[in-house]
PDB file of N, CA and C in Angstrom:
ATOM      1  N   UNK A   1     106.283 121.820  89.468  1.00  0.00           N
ATOM      2  CA  UNK A   1     108.018 121.356  89.846  1.00  0.00           C
ATOM      3  C   UNK A   1     107.522 123.390  90.521  1.00  0.00           C
ATOM      4  N   UNK A   2     107.895 123.122  91.540  1.00  0.00           N
ATOM      5  CA  UNK A   2     108.571 124.543  92.073  1.00  0.00           C
ATOM      6  C   UNK A   2     109.264 124.429  92.991  1.00  0.00           C
ATOM      7  N   UNK A   3     109.582 125.227  93.102  1.00  0.00           N
ATOM      8  CA  UNK A   3     111.353 126.094  93.578  1.00  0.00           C
ATOM      9  C   UNK A   3     112.115 124.678  94.796  1.00  0.00           C
ATOM     10  N   UNK A   4     111.218 123.697  95.733  1.00  0.00           N
ATOM     11  CA  UNK A   4     111.728 123.112  96.865  1.00  0.00           C
ATOM     12  C   UNK A   4     111.652 122.243  95.846  1.00  0.00           C
ATOM     13  N   UNK A   5     111.413 121.723  94.421  1.00  0.00           N
ATOM     14  CA  UNK A   5     111.490 120.573  94.028  1.00  0.00           C
ATOM     15  C   UNK A   5     113.690 120.942  92.983  1.00  0.00           C
ATOM     16  N   UNK A   6     114.005 122.199  92.409  1.00  0.00           N
ATOM     17  CA  UNK A   6     114.582 122.514  92.119  1.00  0.00           C
ATOM     18  C   UNK A   6     116.020 122.352  92.919  1.00  0.00           C
ATOM     19  N   UNK A   7     116.069 123.431  94.304  1.00  0.00           N
ATOM     20  CA  UNK A   7     116.943 123.300  95.765  1.00  0.00           C
ATOM     21  C   UNK A   7     116.683 121.628  95.637  1.00  0.00           C
ATOM     22  N   UNK A   8     115.715 121.163  96.126  1.00  0.00           N
ATOM     23  CA  UNK A   8     115.914 119.474  96.639  1.00  0.00           C
ATOM     24  C   UNK A   8     117.302 119.478  94.942  1.00  0.00           C
ATOM     25  N   UNK A   9     116.626 119.212  93.294  1.00  0.00           N
ATOM     26  CA  UNK A   9     117.129 118.009  93.045  1.00  0.00           C
ATOM     27  C   UNK A   9     118.720 118.795  93.002  1.00  0.00           C
ATOM     28  N   UNK A  10     119.037 119.747  93.440  1.00  0.00           N
ATOM     29  CA  UNK A  10     120.460 120.823  93.661  1.00  0.00           C
ATOM     30  C   UNK A  10     120.600 120.117  94.338  1.00  0.00           C
ATOM     31  N   UNK A  11     120.401 120.070  95.496  1.00  0.00           N
ATOM     32  CA  UNK A  11     121.038 119.715  96.761  1.00  0.00           C
ATOM     33  C   UNK A  11     121.303 118.107  96.970  1.00  0.00           C
ATOM     34  N   UNK A  12     120.993 118.089  96.188  1.00  0.00           N
ATOM     35  CA  UNK A  12     120.554 116.373  95.824  1.00  0.00           C
ATOM     36  C   UNK A  12     122.194 115.485  95.216  1.00  0.00           C
ATOM     37  N   UNK A  13     122.011 116.196  93.825  1.00  0.00           N
ATOM     38  CA  UNK A  13     123.526 116.193  93.096  1.00  0.00           C
ATOM     39  C   UNK A  13     125.024 116.497  94.182  1.00  0.00           C
ATOM     40  N   UNK A  14     124.509 118.095  94.892  1.00  0.00           N
ATOM     41  CA  UNK A  14     125.335 118.404  95.408  1.00  0.00           C
ATOM     42  C   UNK A  14     125.968 117.410  95.882  1.00  0.00           C
ATOM     43  N   UNK A  15     125.281 117.127  97.122  1.00  0.00           N
ATOM     44  CA  UNK A  15     125.484 116.750  98.109  1.00  0.00           C
ATOM     45  C   UNK A  15     125.889 114.969  97.699  1.00  0.00           C
ATOM     46  N   UNK A  16     125.512 114.622  96.649  1.00  0.00           N
ATOM     47  CA  UNK A  16     126.180 112.752  96.361  1.00  0.00           C
ATOM     48  C   UNK A  16     127.731 113.242  95.311  1.00  0.00           C
ATOM     49  N   UNK A  17     128.345 114.323  94.622  1.00  0.00           N
ATOM     50  CA  UNK A  17     129.266 115.159  93.844  1.00  0.00           C
ATOM     51  C   UNK A  17     130.165 115.078  95.837  1.00  0.00           C
ATOM     52  N   UNK A  18     129.848 115.558  96.057  1.00  0.00           N
ATOM     53  CA  UNK A  18     130.367 115.887  97.790  1.00  0.00           C
ATOM     54  C   UNK A  18     130.861 114.779  98.439  1.00  0.00           C
ATOM     55  N   UNK A  19     129.821 113.177  98.175  1.00  0.00           N
ATOM     56  CA  UNK A  19     129.752 112.025  99.517  1.00  0.00           C
ATOM     57  C   UNK A  19     131.217 111.330  97.941  1.00  0.00           C
ATOM     58  N   UNK A  20     131.175 111.678  96.939  1.00  0.00           N
ATOM     59  CA  UNK A  20     131.890 110.725  96.734  1.00  0.00           C
ATOM     60  C   UNK A  20     133.544 111.089  96.238  1.00  0.00           C
ATOM     61  N   UNK A  21     132.958 112.858  96.096  1.00  0.00           N
ATOM     62  CA  UNK A  21     134.685 113.134  96.498  1.00  0.00           C
ATOM     63  C   UNK A  21     135.074 112.663  97.604  1.00  0.00           C
ATOM     64  N   UNK A  22     134.700 112.552  98.918  1.00  0.00           N
ATOM     65  CA  UNK A  22     134.886 111.833  99.917  1.00  0.00           C
ATOM     66  C   UNK A  22     135.625 110.343  99.839  1.00  0.00           C
ATOM     67  N   UNK A  23     134.532 110.147  99.911  1.00  0.00           N
ATOM     68  CA  UNK A  23     135.233 108.859  99.319  1.00  0.00           C
ATOM     69  C   UNK A  23     136.353 108.227  98.656  1.00  0.00           C
ATOM     70  N   UNK A  24     136.708 108.937  97.280  1.00  0.00           N
ATOM     71  CA  UNK A  24     137.422 108.355  96.830  1.00  0.00           C
ATOM     72  C   UNK A  24     138.467 109.740  98.018  1.00  0.00           C
ATOM     73  N   UNK A  25     138.912 110.244  97.784  1.00  0.00           N
ATOM     74  CA  UNK A  25     140.239 111.062  98.567  1.00  0.00           C
ATOM     75  C   UNK A  25     140.281 110.455 100.141  1.00  0.00           C
ATOM     76  N   UNK A  26     138.916 110.767 100.437  1.00  0.00           N
ATOM     77  CA  UNK A  26     139.433 109.100 102.386  1.00  0.00           C
ATOM     78  C   UNK A  26     138.675 110.271 102.975  1.00  0.00           C
ATOM     79  N   UNK A  27     137.811 111.895 102.736  1.00  0.00           N
ATOM     80  CA  UNK A  27     138.726 113.080 103.771  1.00  0.00           C
ATOM     81  C   UNK A  27     137.395 112.517 104.152  1.00  0.00           C
ATOM     82  N   UNK A  28     135.933 112.152 104.975  1.00  0.00           N
ATOM     83  CA  UNK A  28     135.094 111.611 105.907  1.00  0.00           C
ATOM     84  C   UNK A  28     134.971 112.754 106.476  1.00  0.00           C
ATOM     85  N   UNK A  29     135.352 114.061 106.510  1.00  0.00           N
ATOM     86  CA  UNK A  29     134.218 115.293 106.904  1.00  0.00           C
ATOM     87  C   UNK A  29     134.217 115.687 106.119  1.00  0.00           C
ATOM     88  N   UNK A  30     133.970 115.348 104.053  1.00  0.00           N
ATOM     89  CA  UNK A  30     133.451 115.458 103.174  1.00  0.00           C
ATOM     90  C   UNK A  30     132.070 114.302 103.525  1.00  0.00           C
ATOM     91  N   UNK A  31     132.743 113.695 102.760  1.00  0.00           N
ATOM     92  CA  UNK A  31     131.778 112.481 102.295  1.00  0.00           C
ATOM     93  C   UNK A  31     130.291 112.462 103.791  1.00  0.00           C
ATOM     94  N   UNK A  32     130.580 113.017 105.320  1.00  0.00           N
ATOM     95  CA  UNK A  32     129.847 113.597 105.833  1.00  0.00           C
ATOM     96  C   UNK A  32     128.793 114.752 105.350  1.00  0.00           C
ATOM     97  N   UNK A  33     129.542 115.401 104.915  1.00  0.00           N
ATOM     98  CA  UNK A  33     128.774 117.051 104.172  1.00  0.00           C
ATOM     99  C   UNK A  33     127.488 116.684 103.223  1.00  0.00           C
ATOM    100  N   UNK A  34     128.326 115.792 102.199  1.00  0.00           N
ATOM    101  CA  UNK A  34     127.859 115.046 101.467  1.00  0.00           C
ATOM    102  C   UNK A  34     125.966 114.644 101.456  1.00  0.00           C
ATOM    103  N   UNK A  35     126.917 113.233 102.277  1.00  0.00           N
ATOM    104  CA  UNK A  35     125.378 113.064 103.256  1.00  0.00           C
ATOM    105  C   UNK A  35     123.850 113.459 104.031  1.00  0.00           C
ATOM    106  N   UNK A  36     124.937 114.665 104.503  1.00  0.00           N
ATOM    107  CA  UNK A  36     123.455 115.561 105.230  1.00  0.00           C
ATOM    108  C   UNK A  36     122.888 116.886 104.217  1.00  0.00           C
ATOM    109  N   UNK A  37     123.700 116.912 102.713  1.00  0.00           N
ATOM    110  CA  UNK A  37     123.254 117.555 101.425  1.00  0.00           C
ATOM    111  C   UNK A  37     121.804 116.530 101.079  1.00  0.00           C
ATOM    112  N   UNK A  38     122.851 115.398 101.144  1.00  0.00           N
ATOM    113  CA  UNK A  38     122.061 114.442  99.692  1.00  0.00           C
ATOM    114  C   UNK A  38     120.188 114.579 100.605  1.00  0.00           C
ATOM    115  N   UNK A  39     119.853 114.035 102.156  1.00  0.00           N
ATOM    116  CA  UNK A  39     118.939 114.407 103.236  1.00  0.00           C
ATOM    117  C   UNK A  39     118.429 115.685 102.875  1.00  0.00           C
ATOM    118  N   UNK A  40     119.287 116.964 102.808  1.00  0.00           N
ATOM    119  CA  UNK A  40     118.269 118.118 103.016  1.00  0.00           C
ATOM    120  C   UNK A  40     117.717 118.721 101.245  1.00  0.00           C
ATOM    121  N   UNK A  41     118.148 117.634 100.173  1.00  0.00           N
ATOM    122  CA  UNK A  41     117.837 117.202  99.023  1.00  0.00           C
ATOM    123  C   UNK A  41     116.583 116.697  98.466  1.00  0.00           C
ATOM    124  N   UNK A  42     116.531 114.884  99.476  1.00  0.00           N
ATOM    125  CA  UNK A  42     115.135 114.459  99.758  1.00  0.00           C
ATOM    126  C   UNK A  42     113.813 115.482 100.521  1.00  0.00           C
ATOM    127  N   UNK A  43     114.289 116.018 101.616  1.00  0.00           N
ATOM    128  CA  UNK A  43     113.199 117.148 102.220  1.00  0.00           C
ATOM    129  C   UNK A  43     112.498 117.896 101.680  1.00  0.00           C
ATOM    130  N   UNK A  44     113.552 118.648 101.018  1.00  0.00           N
ATOM    131  CA  UNK A  44     113.381 119.446  99.783  1.00  0.00           C
ATOM    132  C   UNK A  44     111.906 118.718  98.741  1.00  0.00           C
ATOM    133  N   UNK A  45     112.721 117.764  98.413  1.00  0.00           N
ATOM    134  CA  UNK A  45     111.643 116.872  97.596  1.00  0.00           C
ATOM    135  C   UNK A  45     110.221 116.520  98.029  1.00  0.00           C
ATOM    136  N   UNK A  46     110.460 116.230  99.211  1.00  0.00           N
ATOM    137  CA  UNK A  46     109.354 115.670 100.352  1.00  0.00           C
ATOM    138  C   UNK A  46     108.190 116.821 100.204  1.00  0.00           C
ATOM    139  N   UNK A  47     108.984 117.707 100.453  1.00  0.00           N
ATOM    140  CA  UNK A  47     107.947 119.379 101.097  1.00  0.00           C
ATOM    141  C   UNK A  47     107.528 119.119 100.029  1.00  0.00           C
ATOM    142  N   UNK A  48     107.860 119.703  98.620  1.00  0.00           N
ATOM    143  CA  UNK A  48     107.566 120.027  97.217  1.00  0.00           C
ATOM    144  C   UNK A  48     107.088 119.310  97.202  1.00  0.00           C
ATOM    145  N   UNK A  49     107.406 117.464  97.159  1.00  0.00           N
ATOM    146  CA  UNK A  49     106.172 117.111  96.255  1.00  0.00           C
ATOM    147  C   UNK A  49     104.317 117.551  97.807  1.00  0.00           C
ATOM    148  N   UNK A  50     104.646 117.829  98.787  1.00  0.00           N
ATOM    149  CA  UNK A  50     103.563 118.543  99.264  1.00  0.00           C
ATOM    150  C   UNK A  50     102.647 119.474  99.524  1.00  0.00           C
ATOM    151  N   UNK A  51     103.483 119.888  99.063  1.00  0.00           N
ATOM    152  CA  UNK A  51     103.102 121.425  98.743  1.00  0.00           C
ATOM    153  C   UNK A  51     102.381 121.586  97.787  1.00  0.00           C
ATOM    154  N   UNK A  52     102.919 120.183  96.417  1.00  0.00           N
ATOM    155  CA  UNK A  52     101.952 119.511  95.116  1.00  0.00           C
ATOM    156  C   UNK A  52     100.684 118.993  95.705  1.00  0.00           C
ATOM    157  N   UNK A  53     100.923 119.016  96.442  1.00  0.00           N
ATOM    158  CA  UNK A  53      99.938 117.752  96.246  1.00  0.00           C
ATOM    159  C   UNK A  53      99.008 119.059  97.088  1.00  0.00           C
ATOM    160  N   UNK A  54      98.953 120.092  99.011  1.00  0.00           N
ATOM    161  CA  UNK A  54      98.666 120.690  98.854  1.00  0.00           C
ATOM    162  C   UNK A  54      97.768 121.733  97.574  1.00  0.00           C
ATOM    163  N   UNK A  55      98.241 122.040  96.922  1.00  0.00           N
ATOM    164  CA  UNK A  55      97.303 122.458  95.722  1.00  0.00           C
ATOM    165  C   UNK A  55      97.396 122.602  94.960  1.00  0.00           C
ATOM    166  N   UNK A  56      97.143 120.628  94.761  1.00  0.00           N
ATOM    167  CA  UNK A  56      96.081 119.952  93.714  1.00  0.00           C
ATOM    168  C   UNK A  56      94.838 119.917  93.823  1.00  0.00           C
ATOM    169  N   UNK A  57      94.911 119.667  95.064  1.00  0.00           N
ATOM    170  CA  UNK A  57      93.881 119.545  95.988  1.00  0.00           C
ATOM    171  C   UNK A  57      92.971 120.708  96.446  1.00  0.00           C
ATOM    172  N   UNK A  58      93.676 122.133  96.880  1.00  0.00           N
ATOM    173  CA  UNK A  58      92.859 123.701  96.537  1.00  0.00           C
ATOM    174  C   UNK A  58      92.498 123.238  95.320  1.00  0.00           C
ATOM    175  N   UNK A  59      92.453 123.131  94.175  1.00  0.00           N
ATOM    176  CA  UNK A  59      92.448 123.569  92.789  1.00  0.00           C
ATOM    177  C   UNK A  59      90.982 122.507  92.695  1.00  0.00           C
ATOM    178  N   UNK A  60      90.742 121.314  93.166  1.00  0.00           N
ATOM    179  CA  UNK A  60      90.056 120.390  92.565  1.00  0.00           C
ATOM    180  C   UNK A  60      88.219 121.331  93.360  1.00  0.00           C
ATOM    181  N   UNK A  61      88.954 121.287  95.046  1.00  0.00           N
ATOM    182  CA  UNK A  61      87.981 121.774  95.799  1.00  0.00           C
ATOM    183  C   UNK A  61      87.471 122.252  95.360  1.00  0.00           C
ATOM    184  N   UNK A  62      88.200 123.533  94.365  1.00  0.00           N
ATOM    185  CA  UNK A  62      87.195 125.164  93.282  1.00  0.00           C
ATOM    186  C   UNK A  62      86.762 124.268  92.813  1.00  0.00           C
ATOM    187  N   UNK A  63      86.647 123.551  92.165  1.00  0.00           N
ATOM    188  CA  UNK A  63      86.481 123.009  90.909  1.00  0.00           C
ATOM    189  C   UNK A  63      84.849 122.665  91.373  1.00  0.00           C
ATOM    190  N   UNK A  64      85.180 121.765  92.082  1.00  0.00           N
ATOM    191  CA  UNK A  64      83.940 120.754  92.676  1.00  0.00           C
ATOM    192  C   UNK A  64      82.273 122.758  93.102  1.00  0.00           C
ATOM    193  N   UNK A  65      83.315 123.370  93.470  1.00  0.00           N
ATOM    194  CA  UNK A  65      82.403 124.346  94.228  1.00  0.00           C
ATOM    195  C   UNK A  65      82.081 125.051  93.665  1.00  0.00           C
ATOM    196  N   UNK A  66      82.280 125.238  92.407  1.00  0.00           N
ATOM    197  CA  UNK A  66      81.933 126.843  91.978  1.00  0.00           C
ATOM    198  C   UNK A  66      81.566 126.383  90.964  1.00  0.00           C
ATOM    199  N   UNK A  67      79.891 127.662  90.717  1.00  0.00           N
ATOM    200  CA  UNK A  67      78.755 127.211  90.564  1.00  0.00           C
ATOM    201  C   UNK A  67      79.120 128.173  88.878  1.00  0.00           C
ATOM    202  N   UNK A  68      79.932 128.663  88.800  1.00  0.00           N
ATOM    203  CA  UNK A  68      80.080 129.007  87.024  1.00  0.00           C
ATOM    204  C   UNK A  68      80.702 127.901  86.900  1.00  0.00           C
ATOM    205  N   UNK A  69      81.347 126.222  87.206  1.00  0.00           N
ATOM    206  CA  UNK A  69      81.786 125.730  85.949  1.00  0.00           C
ATOM    207  C   UNK A  69      80.790 124.808  85.446  1.00  0.00           C
TER     208      UNK A  69
END
């Protein structure tokens, strides 16, 4: 887990709360803000996943090409 995953989880949670509050109060602007923040959270999480894949590939590549292993 990296900072992108953490930020993504926070944005998804806060965005969901805003979206729900917007639904309950009929506040369309708040609902839209919540949806946008959830989308941002999903993108941050995807970025974190991509960074994890690259990091893991680099680590595997190091091990495969390290003559001391």
